[in-house]
Amino acid sequence: MTRQTADDEKQARLAAALRENLKRRKAQARARRAEEALAHEHEPAPPAQADIPRT
């Protein structure tokens, strides 16, 4: 194996690892957004402006 081929393979492995890492991070972010959306569905809605008593 020549030095150029070894460097090319190393670059290809690095590029593949970076792509996989980006996919994993995007999937984690999507999961967090989905969990937050579900959590907000179960919260009571804030009172409408007309429902707030005036002092």
C-alpha atoms as a PDB file:
ATOM      1  CA  MET A   1       0.000   0.000   0.000  1.00  0.00           C
ATOM      2  CA  THR A   2       1.477   3.326  -1.001  1.00  0.00           C
ATOM      3  CA  ARG A   3       1.542   6.342   1.260  1.00  0.00           C
ATOM      4  CA  GLN A   4      -1.028   8.135  -0.936  1.00  0.00           C
ATOM      5  CA  THR A   5      -3.446   5.205  -0.767  1.00  0.00           C
ATOM      6  CA  ALA A   6      -3.128   5.015   3.033  1.00  0.00           C
ATOM      7  CA  ASP A   7      -3.806   8.757   3.310  1.00  0.00           C
ATOM      8  CA  ASP A   8      -6.793   8.457   0.975  1.00  0.00           C
ATOM      9  CA  GLU A   9      -8.235   5.608   3.050  1.00  0.00           C
ATOM     10  CA  LYS A  10      -7.713   7.580   6.258  1.00  0.00           C
ATOM     11  CA  GLN A  11      -9.489  10.589   4.744  1.00  0.00           C
ATOM     12  CA  ALA A  12     -12.356   8.374   3.569  1.00  0.00           C
ATOM     13  CA  ARG A  13     -12.735   6.822   7.052  1.00  0.00           C
ATOM     14  CA  LEU A  14     -12.711  10.275   8.642  1.00  0.00           C
ATOM     15  CA  ALA A  15     -15.312  11.580   6.196  1.00  0.00           C
ATOM     16  CA  ALA A  16     -17.546   8.562   6.842  1.00  0.00           C
ATOM     17  CA  ALA A  17     -17.199   8.959  10.615  1.00  0.00           C
ATOM     18  CA  LEU A  18     -18.089  12.652  10.384  1.00  0.00           C
ATOM     19  CA  ARG A  19     -21.168  11.867   8.253  1.00  0.00           C
ATOM     20  CA  GLU A  20     -22.332   9.255  10.769  1.00  0.00           C
ATOM     21  CA  ASN A  21     -21.739  11.652  13.657  1.00  0.00           C
ATOM     22  CA  LEU A  22     -23.789  14.351  11.936  1.00  0.00           C
ATOM     23  CA  LYS A  23     -26.640  11.902  11.263  1.00  0.00           C
ATOM     24  CA  ARG A  24     -26.614  10.810  14.922  1.00  0.00           C
ATOM     25  CA  ARG A  25     -26.643  14.396  16.203  1.00  0.00           C
ATOM     26  CA  LYS A  26     -29.520  15.331  13.875  1.00  0.00           C
ATOM     27  CA  ALA A  27     -31.517  12.299  15.024  1.00  0.00           C
ATOM     28  CA  GLN A  28     -30.907  13.247  18.669  1.00  0.00           C
ATOM     29  CA  ALA A  29     -32.072  16.813  17.991  1.00  0.00           C
ATOM     30  CA  ARG A  30     -35.217  15.545  16.252  1.00  0.00           C
ATOM     31  CA  ALA A  31     -35.957  13.258  19.208  1.00  0.00           C
ATOM     32  CA  ARG A  32     -35.513  16.139  21.666  1.00  0.00           C
ATOM     33  CA  ARG A  33     -37.876  18.354  19.639  1.00  0.00           C
ATOM     34  CA  ALA A  34     -40.467  15.565  19.508  1.00  0.00           C
ATOM     35  CA  GLU A  35     -40.236  15.057  23.292  1.00  0.00           C
ATOM     36  CA  GLU A  36     -40.621  18.800  23.885  1.00  0.00           C
ATOM     37  CA  ALA A  37     -43.648  18.925  21.588  1.00  0.00           C
ATOM     38  CA  LEU A  38     -45.284  16.057  23.478  1.00  0.00           C
ATOM     39  CA  ALA A  39     -44.526  17.730  26.801  1.00  0.00           C
ATOM     40  CA  HIS A  40     -46.133  20.977  25.610  1.00  0.00           C
ATOM     41  CA  GLU A  41     -49.272  19.150  24.472  1.00  0.00           C
ATOM     42  CA  HIS A  42     -49.938  18.076  28.051  1.00  0.00           C
ATOM     43  CA  GLU A  43     -49.472  21.527  29.579  1.00  0.00           C
ATOM     44  CA  PRO A  44     -52.584  23.620  30.170  1.00  0.00           C
ATOM     45  CA  ALA A  45     -52.942  26.505  27.779  1.00  0.00           C
ATOM     46  CA  PRO A  46     -52.198  29.945  29.214  1.00  0.00           C
ATOM     47  CA  PRO A  47     -55.315  32.008  29.891  1.00  0.00           C
ATOM     48  CA  ALA A  48     -56.547  34.166  27.048  1.00  0.00           C
ATOM     49  CA  GLN A  49     -56.017  37.895  27.410  1.00  0.00           C
ATOM     50  CA  ALA A  50     -59.729  38.493  28.173  1.00  0.00           C
ATOM     51  CA  ASP A  51     -59.659  35.855  30.949  1.00  0.00           C
ATOM     52  CA  ILE A  52     -57.006  37.629  33.026  1.00  0.00           C
ATOM     53  CA  PRO A  53     -58.661  39.489  35.932  1.00  0.00           C
ATOM     54  CA  ARG A  54     -57.820  43.170  36.194  1.00  0.00           C
ATOM     55  CA  THR A  55     -56.860  44.727  39.498  1.00  0.00           C
END
